[in-house]
Amino acid sequence: MDIGYLPLEHLHKIVDETVPSMRWDGKQDIKEWQKAAREKLKELIGWGEIEKCDVPLTYEVEYDRVCEDMGCREIRFRYTTEENVTVPCHLVIPNGAKKPLPVIITLQGHSKGMHISLGRPKFDGDENTIKGGDRDFVVRAVKEGVCAIALEQRCFGECGGTEKGPDCRQASMRAILVGRTIIGERVWDIMKLIDLLQTEFTDIIDKDKIMCMGNSGGGTATTYVSAIDERIKISVPSCAVARYADSIAAMLHCECNYVPNIAHYFDMGDLCAMVAPRPLVVVTGTEDKIFPVNSAKECVAEGKKVYDALGVGENIVHVIGAEGHRFYADDSWPHINSAIKNL
């Protein structure tokens, strides 16, 4: 008797053969489809359980200083997203630029924390992480003349990581027990930051020109939050967009990548479609082994169907870098700057 598939293979086959039921069918009114899709996505990531714990939005500036080495002003602040939950951030403003400026929220992947975005090594190995993959997002943003925020995601760095790296596993499992997901919590924190930016620092940043960028796990959060929140005007997810069957279902990934039951409704290409018509710059490495380039191309093509139907096919761009699982600043920033000019 043929023993059939082992459980891991069996489940991968199920994911691979599952057709998302809420994919745009080419006939629905796009705005109505996006509205329904966003509500379903919020439900899947545990939004209802997270929202129950909402608290009045408060923040505290911890320091405000000039950084001569980076040619910028840096404001370190902490804001409240739930009772007993605060998120640390660094807002960095280029010197001499005419304000208010566009601002880009930057999100690290599974690194040791947001200090990587600031280009400031803190632990052993950080130098290679920064130099080997253009992960100093804030440094480059300042050079490009825009404001940037380094945000610490849950279970990373100051929000639960260690000097060895992120610590997502137990938090991800505990979240599932109470109807939450870590992705949902990260999206919540980003959206609460946008709430704050709509009322604070408005002499510095242009609240109508908010962008989001991240690599790997940061790219995943960028994709989800950009699908949901239309206040994000330009989205730059890097090394995170690929079919679930080819990426998080095909190999070992951190538990924080998983959203219960999502494959029945959406794949990553559908999340790209939810961003339309806003500019979306998807970044992929040719040699990325965990978010394969051909799978990323499929997702971009799926998303482009909606962009094309809206007459803005040029607003979705796929940047393909020559190496592996990293960001590609020189390839990406021309597209970001072009999109900024058209905001």
C-alpha atoms as a PDB file:
ATOM      1  CA  MET A   1       0.000   0.000   0.000  1.00  0.00           C
ATOM      2  CA  ASP A   2       1.200   3.492  -0.850  1.00  0.00           C
ATOM      3  CA  ILE A   3       1.619   5.317   2.467  1.00  0.00           C
ATOM      4  CA  GLY A   4       0.635   8.599   0.803  1.00  0.00           C
ATOM      5  CA  TYR A   5       1.817  11.991   1.930  1.00  0.00           C
ATOM      6  CA  LEU A   6       3.345  12.719   5.287  1.00  0.00           C
ATOM      7  CA  PRO A   7       1.461  15.463   7.180  1.00  0.00           C
ATOM      8  CA  LEU A   8       3.876  18.250   6.170  1.00  0.00           C
ATOM      9  CA  GLU A   9       3.672  17.340   2.476  1.00  0.00           C
ATOM     10  CA  HIS A  10      -0.088  16.887   2.688  1.00  0.00           C
ATOM     11  CA  LEU A  11      -0.611  20.357   4.135  1.00  0.00           C
ATOM     12  CA  HIS A  12       1.681  21.958   1.569  1.00  0.00           C
ATOM     13  CA  LYS A  13      -0.364  20.361  -1.211  1.00  0.00           C
ATOM     14  CA  ILE A  14      -3.568  21.750   0.311  1.00  0.00           C
ATOM     15  CA  VAL A  15      -2.114  25.271   0.494  1.00  0.00           C
ATOM     16  CA  ASP A  16      -0.772  25.048  -3.043  1.00  0.00           C
ATOM     17  CA  GLU A  17      -4.131  23.955  -4.446  1.00  0.00           C
ATOM     18  CA  THR A  18      -6.261  26.413  -2.484  1.00  0.00           C
ATOM     19  CA  VAL A  19      -7.765  29.178  -4.625  1.00  0.00           C
ATOM     20  CA  PRO A  20      -8.439  32.377  -2.646  1.00  0.00           C
ATOM     21  CA  SER A  21     -12.186  32.919  -2.509  1.00  0.00           C
ATOM     22  CA  MET A  22     -12.011  36.714  -2.192  1.00  0.00           C
ATOM     23  CA  ARG A  23      -9.660  37.327  -5.104  1.00  0.00           C
ATOM     24  CA  TRP A  24     -10.880  40.115  -7.424  1.00  0.00           C
ATOM     25  CA  ASP A  25     -12.771  38.375 -10.218  1.00  0.00           C
ATOM     26  CA  GLY A  26     -12.348  41.059 -12.865  1.00  0.00           C
ATOM     27  CA  LYS A  27     -16.011  42.038 -12.700  1.00  0.00           C
ATOM     28  CA  GLN A  28     -16.582  43.438  -9.207  1.00  0.00           C
ATOM     29  CA  ASP A  29     -16.471  47.154  -8.560  1.00  0.00           C
ATOM     30  CA  ILE A  30     -12.885  47.561  -7.390  1.00  0.00           C
ATOM     31  CA  LYS A  31     -13.571  50.023  -4.578  1.00  0.00           C
ATOM     32  CA  GLU A  32     -16.316  47.792  -3.207  1.00  0.00           C
ATOM     33  CA  TRP A  33     -14.087  44.734  -3.509  1.00  0.00           C
ATOM     34  CA  GLN A  34     -11.219  46.487  -1.725  1.00  0.00           C
ATOM     35  CA  LYS A  35     -13.489  47.646   1.083  1.00  0.00           C
ATOM     36  CA  ALA A  36     -14.792  44.125   1.690  1.00  0.00           C
ATOM     37  CA  ALA A  37     -11.313  42.607   1.301  1.00  0.00           C
ATOM     38  CA  ARG A  38      -9.804  44.997   3.839  1.00  0.00           C
ATOM     39  CA  GLU A  39     -12.479  44.205   6.393  1.00  0.00           C
ATOM     40  CA  LYS A  40     -11.926  40.484   5.909  1.00  0.00           C
ATOM     41  CA  LEU A  41      -8.152  40.881   6.168  1.00  0.00           C
ATOM     42  CA  LYS A  42      -8.537  42.809   9.412  1.00  0.00           C
ATOM     43  CA  GLU A  43     -10.742  40.030  10.761  1.00  0.00           C
ATOM     44  CA  LEU A  44      -8.191  37.374   9.814  1.00  0.00           C
ATOM     45  CA  ILE A  45      -5.282  39.132  11.519  1.00  0.00           C
ATOM     46  CA  GLY A  46      -7.239  39.393  14.756  1.00  0.00           C
ATOM     47  CA  TRP A  47      -8.132  43.063  14.534  1.00  0.00           C
ATOM     48  CA  GLY A  48     -11.275  42.747  16.622  1.00  0.00           C
ATOM     49  CA  GLU A  49      -9.421  41.315  19.610  1.00  0.00           C
ATOM     50  CA  ILE A  50      -6.645  43.905  19.334  1.00  0.00           C
ATOM     51  CA  GLU A  51      -9.084  46.790  18.963  1.00  0.00           C
ATOM     52  CA  LYS A  52     -10.738  45.868  22.259  1.00  0.00           C
ATOM     53  CA  CYS A  53      -7.506  46.931  23.967  1.00  0.00           C
ATOM     54  CA  ASP A  54      -7.297  50.362  22.342  1.00  0.00           C
ATOM     55  CA  VAL A  55      -6.337  53.257  24.617  1.00  0.00           C
ATOM     56  CA  PRO A  56      -6.100  57.037  24.160  1.00  0.00           C
ATOM     57  CA  LEU A  57      -3.105  57.886  22.004  1.00  0.00           C
ATOM     58  CA  THR A  58      -0.275  59.443  24.009  1.00  0.00           C
ATOM     59  CA  TYR A  59       3.417  59.938  23.332  1.00  0.00           C
ATOM     60  CA  GLU A  60       6.539  61.179  25.086  1.00  0.00           C
ATOM     61  CA  VAL A  61       9.676  62.650  23.530  1.00  0.00           C
ATOM     62  CA  GLU A  62      12.743  61.096  25.165  1.00  0.00           C
ATOM     63  CA  TYR A  63      15.292  63.297  23.410  1.00  0.00           C
ATOM     64  CA  ASP A  64      15.602  65.761  20.542  1.00  0.00           C
ATOM     65  CA  ARG A  65      19.131  66.271  19.238  1.00  0.00           C
ATOM     66  CA  VAL A  66      21.281  67.209  16.253  1.00  0.00           C
ATOM     67  CA  CYS A  67      23.307  64.409  14.644  1.00  0.00           C
ATOM     68  CA  GLU A  68      26.199  66.010  12.811  1.00  0.00           C
ATOM     69  CA  ASP A  69      27.458  62.710  11.412  1.00  0.00           C
ATOM     70  CA  MET A  70      24.176  62.066   9.588  1.00  0.00           C
ATOM     71  CA  GLY A  71      23.383  65.702   8.833  1.00  0.00           C
ATOM     72  CA  CYS A  72      20.031  65.525  10.570  1.00  0.00           C
ATOM     73  CA  ARG A  73      17.864  66.185  13.583  1.00  0.00           C
ATOM     74  CA  GLU A  74      16.752  63.124  15.535  1.00  0.00           C
ATOM     75  CA  ILE A  75      13.707  62.888  17.792  1.00  0.00           C
ATOM     76  CA  ARG A  76      13.410  59.767  19.916  1.00  0.00           C
ATOM     77  CA  PHE A  77       9.860  59.209  21.188  1.00  0.00           C
ATOM     78  CA  ARG A  78       7.630  56.494  22.587  1.00  0.00           C
ATOM     79  CA  TYR A  79       3.889  56.178  22.004  1.00  0.00           C
ATOM     80  CA  THR A  80       1.146  54.045  23.556  1.00  0.00           C
ATOM     81  CA  THR A  81      -0.776  51.503  21.467  1.00  0.00           C
ATOM     82  CA  GLU A  82      -2.442  49.369  24.150  1.00  0.00           C
ATOM     83  CA  GLU A  83      -2.617  49.456  27.923  1.00  0.00           C
ATOM     84  CA  ASN A  84       0.931  48.789  29.144  1.00  0.00           C
ATOM     85  CA  VAL A  85       2.275  48.605  25.571  1.00  0.00           C
ATOM     86  CA  THR A  86       4.517  51.347  24.210  1.00  0.00           C
ATOM     87  CA  VAL A  87       6.494  51.496  20.983  1.00  0.00           C
ATOM     88  CA  PRO A  88       9.837  53.329  20.648  1.00  0.00           C
ATOM     89  CA  CYS A  89      10.644  55.251  17.458  1.00  0.00           C
ATOM     90  CA  HIS A  90      13.275  57.565  16.024  1.00  0.00           C
ATOM     91  CA  LEU A  91      12.109  60.375  13.740  1.00  0.00           C
ATOM     92  CA  VAL A  92      15.012  61.635  11.647  1.00  0.00           C
ATOM     93  CA  ILE A  93      14.804  64.922   9.721  1.00  0.00           C
ATOM     94  CA  PRO A  94      17.361  66.042   7.111  1.00  0.00           C
ATOM     95  CA  ASN A  95      19.112  69.327   7.885  1.00  0.00           C
ATOM     96  CA  GLY A  96      18.292  72.289   5.680  1.00  0.00           C
ATOM     97  CA  ALA A  97      15.329  70.727   3.895  1.00  0.00           C
ATOM     98  CA  LYS A  98      12.192  72.730   3.271  1.00  0.00           C
ATOM     99  CA  LYS A  99       9.462  71.460   5.584  1.00  0.00           C
ATOM    100  CA  PRO A 100       7.003  69.814   5.888  1.00  0.00           C
ATOM    101  CA  LEU A 101       8.592  66.772   4.257  1.00  0.00           C
ATOM    102  CA  PRO A 102       7.379  63.371   3.127  1.00  0.00           C
ATOM    103  CA  VAL A 103       8.054  60.717   5.759  1.00  0.00           C
ATOM    104  CA  ILE A 104       8.812  57.027   5.343  1.00  0.00           C
ATOM    105  CA  ILE A 105       8.156  54.512   8.126  1.00  0.00           C
ATOM    106  CA  THR A 106      10.937  51.920   8.047  1.00  0.00           C
ATOM    107  CA  LEU A 107      10.653  48.367   9.360  1.00  0.00           C
ATOM    108  CA  GLN A 108      13.456  45.906   9.897  1.00  0.00           C
ATOM    109  CA  GLY A 109      13.035  42.211   9.265  1.00  0.00           C
ATOM    110  CA  HIS A 110      14.293  39.465  11.544  1.00  0.00           C
ATOM    111  CA  SER A 111      17.307  41.418  12.721  1.00  0.00           C
ATOM    112  CA  LYS A 112      18.307  42.578  16.183  1.00  0.00           C
ATOM    113  CA  GLY A 113      16.303  45.761  16.055  1.00  0.00           C
ATOM    114  CA  MET A 114      15.556  49.175  14.611  1.00  0.00           C
ATOM    115  CA  HIS A 115      19.113  50.369  15.279  1.00  0.00           C
ATOM    116  CA  ILE A 116      19.921  48.584  12.001  1.00  0.00           C
ATOM    117  CA  SER A 117      17.666  51.066  10.168  1.00  0.00           C
ATOM    118  CA  LEU A 118      19.653  53.875  11.776  1.00  0.00           C
ATOM    119  CA  GLY A 119      22.965  52.351  10.679  1.00  0.00           C
ATOM    120  CA  ARG A 120      24.142  52.017  14.279  1.00  0.00           C
ATOM    121  CA  PRO A 121      25.725  48.668  15.128  1.00  0.00           C
ATOM    122  CA  LYS A 122      24.896  47.552  18.650  1.00  0.00           C
ATOM    123  CA  PHE A 123      25.653  43.821  18.737  1.00  0.00           C
ATOM    124  CA  ASP A 124      28.136  41.462  17.132  1.00  0.00           C
ATOM    125  CA  GLY A 125      27.370  40.957  13.467  1.00  0.00           C
ATOM    126  CA  ASP A 126      25.357  44.142  13.054  1.00  0.00           C
ATOM    127  CA  GLU A 127      27.971  45.715  10.776  1.00  0.00           C
ATOM    128  CA  ASN A 128      27.581  42.932   8.233  1.00  0.00           C
ATOM    129  CA  THR A 129      23.784  43.044   8.482  1.00  0.00           C
ATOM    130  CA  ILE A 130      23.846  46.748   7.659  1.00  0.00           C
ATOM    131  CA  LYS A 131      26.530  46.822   4.975  1.00  0.00           C
ATOM    132  CA  GLY A 132      25.546  43.552   3.356  1.00  0.00           C
ATOM    133  CA  GLY A 133      22.041  44.509   2.379  1.00  0.00           C
ATOM    134  CA  ASP A 134      21.259  48.258   2.346  1.00  0.00           C
ATOM    135  CA  ARG A 135      19.338  47.786   5.585  1.00  0.00           C
ATOM    136  CA  ASP A 136      20.219  51.247   6.937  1.00  0.00           C
ATOM    137  CA  PHE A 137      16.911  52.548   5.592  1.00  0.00           C
ATOM    138  CA  VAL A 138      16.882  55.775   7.596  1.00  0.00           C
ATOM    139  CA  VAL A 139      20.395  56.793   6.550  1.00  0.00           C
ATOM    140  CA  ARG A 140      19.488  56.455   2.879  1.00  0.00           C
ATOM    141  CA  ALA A 141      16.151  58.246   3.309  1.00  0.00           C
ATOM    142  CA  VAL A 142      17.917  61.253   4.830  1.00  0.00           C
ATOM    143  CA  LYS A 143      20.323  61.311   1.888  1.00  0.00           C
ATOM    144  CA  GLU A 144      17.303  61.290  -0.429  1.00  0.00           C
ATOM    145  CA  GLY A 145      15.922  64.341   1.393  1.00  0.00           C
ATOM    146  CA  VAL A 146      12.918  62.864   3.182  1.00  0.00           C
ATOM    147  CA  CYS A 147      12.113  62.246   6.831  1.00  0.00           C
ATOM    148  CA  ALA A 148      12.257  58.696   8.118  1.00  0.00           C
ATOM    149  CA  ILE A 149      11.011  56.877  11.177  1.00  0.00           C
ATOM    150  CA  ALA A 150      12.704  53.787  12.570  1.00  0.00           C
ATOM    151  CA  LEU A 151       9.945  51.846  14.321  1.00  0.00           C
ATOM    152  CA  GLU A 152      10.620  48.891  16.596  1.00  0.00           C
ATOM    153  CA  GLN A 153       8.274  46.024  15.738  1.00  0.00           C
ATOM    154  CA  ARG A 154       6.892  43.677  18.365  1.00  0.00           C
ATOM    155  CA  CYS A 155       9.247  40.833  19.312  1.00  0.00           C
ATOM    156  CA  PHE A 156      12.239  42.651  17.759  1.00  0.00           C
ATOM    157  CA  GLY A 157      14.929  44.656  19.534  1.00  0.00           C
ATOM    158  CA  GLU A 158      13.563  46.824  22.318  1.00  0.00           C
ATOM    159  CA  CYS A 159      10.102  45.291  21.890  1.00  0.00           C
ATOM    160  CA  GLY A 160      10.972  41.764  22.914  1.00  0.00           C
ATOM    161  CA  GLY A 161      14.085  40.672  21.061  1.00  0.00           C
ATOM    162  CA  THR A 162      17.495  39.855  22.464  1.00  0.00           C
ATOM    163  CA  GLU A 163      21.098  40.424  21.397  1.00  0.00           C
ATOM    164  CA  LYS A 164      20.784  37.091  19.600  1.00  0.00           C
ATOM    165  CA  GLY A 165      17.866  38.291  17.493  1.00  0.00           C
ATOM    166  CA  PRO A 166      14.033  38.370  17.435  1.00  0.00           C
ATOM    167  CA  ASP A 167      11.948  36.346  19.864  1.00  0.00           C
ATOM    168  CA  CYS A 168       8.644  35.740  18.071  1.00  0.00           C
ATOM    169  CA  ARG A 169       7.753  32.118  18.712  1.00  0.00           C
ATOM    170  CA  GLN A 170       6.072  32.163  22.112  1.00  0.00           C
ATOM    171  CA  ALA A 171       4.397  35.508  21.457  1.00  0.00           C
ATOM    172  CA  SER A 172       2.997  34.214  18.147  1.00  0.00           C
ATOM    173  CA  MET A 173       1.552  31.119  19.794  1.00  0.00           C
ATOM    174  CA  ARG A 174       0.087  33.061  22.720  1.00  0.00           C
ATOM    175  CA  ALA A 175      -1.497  35.526  20.282  1.00  0.00           C
ATOM    176  CA  ILE A 176      -3.290  32.688  18.483  1.00  0.00           C
ATOM    177  CA  LEU A 177      -4.739  31.458  21.791  1.00  0.00           C
ATOM    178  CA  VAL A 178      -6.648  34.739  22.161  1.00  0.00           C
ATOM    179  CA  GLY A 179      -7.591  35.321  18.537  1.00  0.00           C
ATOM    180  CA  ARG A 180      -4.708  37.624  17.674  1.00  0.00           C
ATOM    181  CA  THR A 181      -1.688  37.433  15.375  1.00  0.00           C
ATOM    182  CA  ILE A 182       1.704  39.094  15.629  1.00  0.00           C
ATOM    183  CA  ILE A 183       1.215  40.457  12.107  1.00  0.00           C
ATOM    184  CA  GLY A 184      -2.021  42.035  13.315  1.00  0.00           C
ATOM    185  CA  GLU A 185      -0.296  43.592  16.314  1.00  0.00           C
ATOM    186  CA  ARG A 186       2.472  45.005  14.121  1.00  0.00           C
ATOM    187  CA  VAL A 187      -0.069  46.453  11.701  1.00  0.00           C
ATOM    188  CA  TRP A 188      -1.930  47.955  14.655  1.00  0.00           C
ATOM    189  CA  ASP A 189       1.233  49.655  15.942  1.00  0.00           C
ATOM    190  CA  ILE A 190       2.013  51.119  12.513  1.00  0.00           C
ATOM    191  CA  MET A 191      -1.511  52.448  12.108  1.00  0.00           C
ATOM    192  CA  LYS A 192      -1.435  53.986  15.581  1.00  0.00           C
ATOM    193  CA  LEU A 193       1.803  55.707  14.581  1.00  0.00           C
ATOM    194  CA  ILE A 194       0.042  57.105  11.514  1.00  0.00           C
ATOM    195  CA  ASP A 195      -2.740  58.346  13.817  1.00  0.00           C
ATOM    196  CA  LEU A 196      -0.066  60.182  15.779  1.00  0.00           C
ATOM    197  CA  LEU A 197       1.572  61.635  12.678  1.00  0.00           C
ATOM    198  CA  GLN A 198      -1.779  63.029  11.559  1.00  0.00           C
ATOM    199  CA  THR A 199      -1.787  65.375  14.562  1.00  0.00           C
ATOM    200  CA  GLU A 200       1.806  65.668  15.822  1.00  0.00           C
ATOM    201  CA  PHE A 201       5.086  66.736  14.180  1.00  0.00           C
ATOM    202  CA  THR A 202       3.032  68.383  11.424  1.00  0.00           C
ATOM    203  CA  ASP A 203       5.480  71.287  11.248  1.00  0.00           C
ATOM    204  CA  ILE A 204       8.094  68.718  10.224  1.00  0.00           C
ATOM    205  CA  ILE A 205       6.327  66.035   8.213  1.00  0.00           C
ATOM    206  CA  ASP A 206       3.644  66.174   5.533  1.00  0.00           C
ATOM    207  CA  LYS A 207       0.812  64.076   6.944  1.00  0.00           C
ATOM    208  CA  ASP A 208      -0.513  63.500   3.427  1.00  0.00           C
ATOM    209  CA  LYS A 209       2.780  62.003   2.221  1.00  0.00           C
ATOM    210  CA  ILE A 210       3.316  59.032   4.525  1.00  0.00           C
ATOM    211  CA  MET A 211       5.145  55.998   3.109  1.00  0.00           C
ATOM    212  CA  CYS A 212       6.139  52.588   4.429  1.00  0.00           C
ATOM    213  CA  MET A 213       9.201  50.432   3.671  1.00  0.00           C
ATOM    214  CA  GLY A 214      10.529  47.174   5.077  1.00  0.00           C
ATOM    215  CA  ASN A 215      12.618  44.147   4.250  1.00  0.00           C
ATOM    216  CA  SER A 216      11.726  40.502   4.969  1.00  0.00           C
ATOM    217  CA  GLY A 217       9.541  40.510   8.107  1.00  0.00           C
ATOM    218  CA  GLY A 218       9.424  44.289   7.768  1.00  0.00           C
ATOM    219  CA  GLY A 219       8.321  43.819   4.168  1.00  0.00           C
ATOM    220  CA  THR A 220       5.564  41.486   5.337  1.00  0.00           C
ATOM    221  CA  ALA A 221       4.266  44.102   7.779  1.00  0.00           C
ATOM    222  CA  THR A 222       4.562  46.736   5.036  1.00  0.00           C
ATOM    223  CA  THR A 223       2.451  44.615   2.683  1.00  0.00           C
ATOM    224  CA  TYR A 224      -0.311  43.963   5.222  1.00  0.00           C
ATOM    225  CA  VAL A 225      -0.556  47.500   6.568  1.00  0.00           C
ATOM    226  CA  SER A 226      -0.471  49.027   3.084  1.00  0.00           C
ATOM    227  CA  ALA A 227      -3.284  46.725   1.969  1.00  0.00           C
ATOM    228  CA  ILE A 228      -5.425  47.944   4.876  1.00  0.00           C
ATOM    229  CA  ASP A 229      -4.495  51.605   5.423  1.00  0.00           C
ATOM    230  CA  GLU A 230      -5.022  54.008   2.526  1.00  0.00           C
ATOM    231  CA  ARG A 231      -3.152  56.748   4.390  1.00  0.00           C
ATOM    232  CA  ILE A 232       0.052  55.033   3.278  1.00  0.00           C
ATOM    233  CA  LYS A 233       0.635  56.747  -0.058  1.00  0.00           C
ATOM    234  CA  ILE A 234       3.682  54.751  -1.242  1.00  0.00           C
ATOM    235  CA  SER A 235       4.474  51.176  -0.236  1.00  0.00           C
ATOM    236  CA  VAL A 236       7.875  49.460  -0.587  1.00  0.00           C
ATOM    237  CA  PRO A 237       7.815  45.820   0.597  1.00  0.00           C
ATOM    238  CA  SER A 238      11.133  44.040   0.038  1.00  0.00           C
ATOM    239  CA  CYS A 239      11.843  40.291   0.017  1.00  0.00           C
ATOM    240  CA  ALA A 240       8.427  39.455   1.430  1.00  0.00           C
ATOM    241  CA  VAL A 241       6.038  39.159  -1.510  1.00  0.00           C
ATOM    242  CA  ALA A 242       5.587  35.601  -2.821  1.00  0.00           C
ATOM    243  CA  ARG A 243       2.808  33.024  -2.943  1.00  0.00           C
ATOM    244  CA  TYR A 244       2.218  31.434   0.451  1.00  0.00           C
ATOM    245  CA  ALA A 245       2.681  28.009  -1.135  1.00  0.00           C
ATOM    246  CA  ASP A 246       6.142  28.979  -2.396  1.00  0.00           C
ATOM    247  CA  SER A 247       7.356  30.791   0.705  1.00  0.00           C
ATOM    248  CA  ILE A 248       5.960  30.418   4.222  1.00  0.00           C
ATOM    249  CA  ALA A 249       4.234  27.095   3.428  1.00  0.00           C
ATOM    250  CA  ALA A 250       7.209  25.659   1.550  1.00  0.00           C
ATOM    251  CA  MET A 251       9.894  25.845   4.224  1.00  0.00           C
ATOM    252  CA  LEU A 252      10.638  26.729   7.823  1.00  0.00           C
ATOM    253  CA  HIS A 253       9.758  30.354   8.606  1.00  0.00           C
ATOM    254  CA  CYS A 254       9.254  32.325  11.789  1.00  0.00           C
ATOM    255  CA  GLU A 255       5.858  31.755  13.385  1.00  0.00           C
ATOM    256  CA  CYS A 256       5.054  35.473  13.124  1.00  0.00           C
ATOM    257  CA  ASN A 257       4.484  35.081   9.355  1.00  0.00           C
ATOM    258  CA  TYR A 258       1.345  32.979   9.724  1.00  0.00           C
ATOM    259  CA  VAL A 259      -2.284  34.113   9.730  1.00  0.00           C
ATOM    260  CA  PRO A 260      -4.842  31.362  10.461  1.00  0.00           C
ATOM    261  CA  ASN A 261      -7.106  30.519   7.509  1.00  0.00           C
ATOM    262  CA  ILE A 262      -5.835  33.335   5.272  1.00  0.00           C
ATOM    263  CA  ALA A 263      -5.102  31.097   2.254  1.00  0.00           C
ATOM    264  CA  HIS A 264      -8.819  30.406   1.871  1.00  0.00           C
ATOM    265  CA  TYR A 265      -9.356  34.093   1.155  1.00  0.00           C
ATOM    266  CA  PHE A 266      -6.160  35.762  -0.088  1.00  0.00           C
ATOM    267  CA  ASP A 267      -2.627  35.279  -1.317  1.00  0.00           C
ATOM    268  CA  MET A 268       0.079  37.952  -1.362  1.00  0.00           C
ATOM    269  CA  GLY A 269      -0.883  39.052  -4.873  1.00  0.00           C
ATOM    270  CA  ASP A 270      -4.352  39.897  -3.588  1.00  0.00           C
ATOM    271  CA  LEU A 271      -2.821  42.062  -0.859  1.00  0.00           C
ATOM    272  CA  CYS A 272      -0.857  43.881  -3.571  1.00  0.00           C
ATOM    273  CA  ALA A 273      -4.126  44.480  -5.405  1.00  0.00           C
ATOM    274  CA  MET A 274      -5.606  46.071  -2.274  1.00  0.00           C
ATOM    275  CA  VAL A 275      -2.898  48.770  -2.401  1.00  0.00           C
ATOM    276  CA  ALA A 276      -4.077  50.019  -5.811  1.00  0.00           C
ATOM    277  CA  PRO A 277      -4.087  52.710  -7.126  1.00  0.00           C
ATOM    278  CA  ARG A 278      -1.356  53.906  -4.738  1.00  0.00           C
ATOM    279  CA  PRO A 279       2.268  53.426  -5.856  1.00  0.00           C
ATOM    280  CA  LEU A 280       3.641  50.009  -4.909  1.00  0.00           C
ATOM    281  CA  VAL A 281       7.331  49.172  -5.337  1.00  0.00           C
ATOM    282  CA  VAL A 282       7.815  45.429  -4.778  1.00  0.00           C
ATOM    283  CA  VAL A 283      11.486  44.488  -4.283  1.00  0.00           C
ATOM    284  CA  THR A 284      12.856  40.966  -4.789  1.00  0.00           C
ATOM    285  CA  GLY A 285      16.311  39.420  -4.926  1.00  0.00           C
ATOM    286  CA  THR A 286      17.020  37.162  -7.896  1.00  0.00           C
ATOM    287  CA  GLU A 287      18.715  34.660  -5.585  1.00  0.00           C
ATOM    288  CA  ASP A 288      16.268  34.941  -2.690  1.00  0.00           C
ATOM    289  CA  LYS A 289      15.675  31.362  -1.569  1.00  0.00           C
ATOM    290  CA  ILE A 290      12.793  32.010   0.828  1.00  0.00           C
ATOM    291  CA  PHE A 291      10.700  34.454  -1.232  1.00  0.00           C
ATOM    292  CA  PRO A 292      11.439  33.169  -4.750  1.00  0.00           C
ATOM    293  CA  VAL A 293      11.579  35.652  -7.594  1.00  0.00           C
ATOM    294  CA  ASN A 294       9.287  33.728  -9.967  1.00  0.00           C
ATOM    295  CA  SER A 295       6.634  33.487  -7.275  1.00  0.00           C
ATOM    296  CA  ALA A 296       7.021  37.210  -6.596  1.00  0.00           C
ATOM    297  CA  LYS A 297       6.468  37.862 -10.298  1.00  0.00           C
ATOM    298  CA  GLU A 298       3.196  35.933 -10.106  1.00  0.00           C
ATOM    299  CA  CYS A 299       2.030  38.073  -7.189  1.00  0.00           C
ATOM    300  CA  VAL A 300       2.950  41.314  -8.910  1.00  0.00           C
ATOM    301  CA  ALA A 301       1.117  40.155 -12.034  1.00  0.00           C
ATOM    302  CA  GLU A 302      -1.966  39.357  -9.935  1.00  0.00           C
ATOM    303  CA  GLY A 303      -1.850  42.770  -8.317  1.00  0.00           C
ATOM    304  CA  LYS A 304      -1.292  44.495 -11.648  1.00  0.00           C
ATOM    305  CA  LYS A 305      -4.666  43.256 -12.913  1.00  0.00           C
ATOM    306  CA  VAL A 306      -6.348  45.709 -10.557  1.00  0.00           C
ATOM    307  CA  TYR A 307      -3.856  48.495 -11.281  1.00  0.00           C
ATOM    308  CA  ASP A 308      -4.442  48.051 -15.015  1.00  0.00           C
ATOM    309  CA  ALA A 309      -8.208  48.006 -14.558  1.00  0.00           C
ATOM    310  CA  LEU A 310      -7.894  51.360 -12.761  1.00  0.00           C
ATOM    311  CA  GLY A 311      -5.742  52.736 -15.578  1.00  0.00           C
ATOM    312  CA  VAL A 312      -2.627  53.093 -13.401  1.00  0.00           C
ATOM    313  CA  GLY A 313      -0.574  50.056 -14.362  1.00  0.00           C
ATOM    314  CA  GLU A 314       2.584  52.143 -14.096  1.00  0.00           C
ATOM    315  CA  ASN A 315       1.998  52.549 -10.347  1.00  0.00           C
ATOM    316  CA  ILE A 316       3.048  48.983  -9.559  1.00  0.00           C
ATOM    317  CA  VAL A 317       6.759  48.332 -10.104  1.00  0.00           C
ATOM    318  CA  HIS A 318       8.791  45.184  -9.547  1.00  0.00           C
ATOM    319  CA  VAL A 319      12.426  45.874  -8.685  1.00  0.00           C
ATOM    320  CA  ILE A 320      14.558  42.739  -9.031  1.00  0.00           C
ATOM    321  CA  GLY A 321      17.995  42.923  -7.442  1.00  0.00           C
ATOM    322  CA  ALA A 322      20.951  40.829  -8.535  1.00  0.00           C
ATOM    323  CA  GLU A 323      21.576  39.055  -5.241  1.00  0.00           C
ATOM    324  CA  GLY A 324      19.604  37.378  -2.467  1.00  0.00           C
ATOM    325  CA  HIS A 325      17.440  38.195   0.543  1.00  0.00           C
ATOM    326  CA  ARG A 326      18.253  41.884   1.082  1.00  0.00           C
ATOM    327  CA  PHE A 327      17.150  45.392   0.139  1.00  0.00           C
ATOM    328  CA  TYR A 328      18.349  47.110  -3.050  1.00  0.00           C
ATOM    329  CA  ALA A 329      18.454  50.833  -2.348  1.00  0.00           C
ATOM    330  CA  ASP A 330      20.056  52.032  -5.582  1.00  0.00           C
ATOM    331  CA  ASP A 331      17.519  50.109  -7.650  1.00  0.00           C
ATOM    332  CA  SER A 332      14.510  51.128  -5.556  1.00  0.00           C
ATOM    333  CA  TRP A 333      14.941  54.791  -4.674  1.00  0.00           C
ATOM    334  CA  PRO A 334      14.562  56.158  -8.244  1.00  0.00           C
ATOM    335  CA  HIS A 335      11.079  54.620  -8.305  1.00  0.00           C
ATOM    336  CA  ILE A 336      10.274  55.931  -4.810  1.00  0.00           C
ATOM    337  CA  ASN A 337      11.401  59.440  -5.722  1.00  0.00           C
ATOM    338  CA  SER A 338       9.382  59.367  -8.929  1.00  0.00           C
ATOM    339  CA  ALA A 339       6.304  58.357  -6.968  1.00  0.00           C
ATOM    340  CA  ILE A 340       6.913  61.103  -4.378  1.00  0.00           C
ATOM    341  CA  LYS A 341       6.985  63.752  -7.123  1.00  0.00           C
ATOM    342  CA  ASN A 342       3.569  62.625  -8.282  1.00  0.00           C
ATOM    343  CA  LEU A 343       1.897  62.690  -4.872  1.00  0.00           C
END
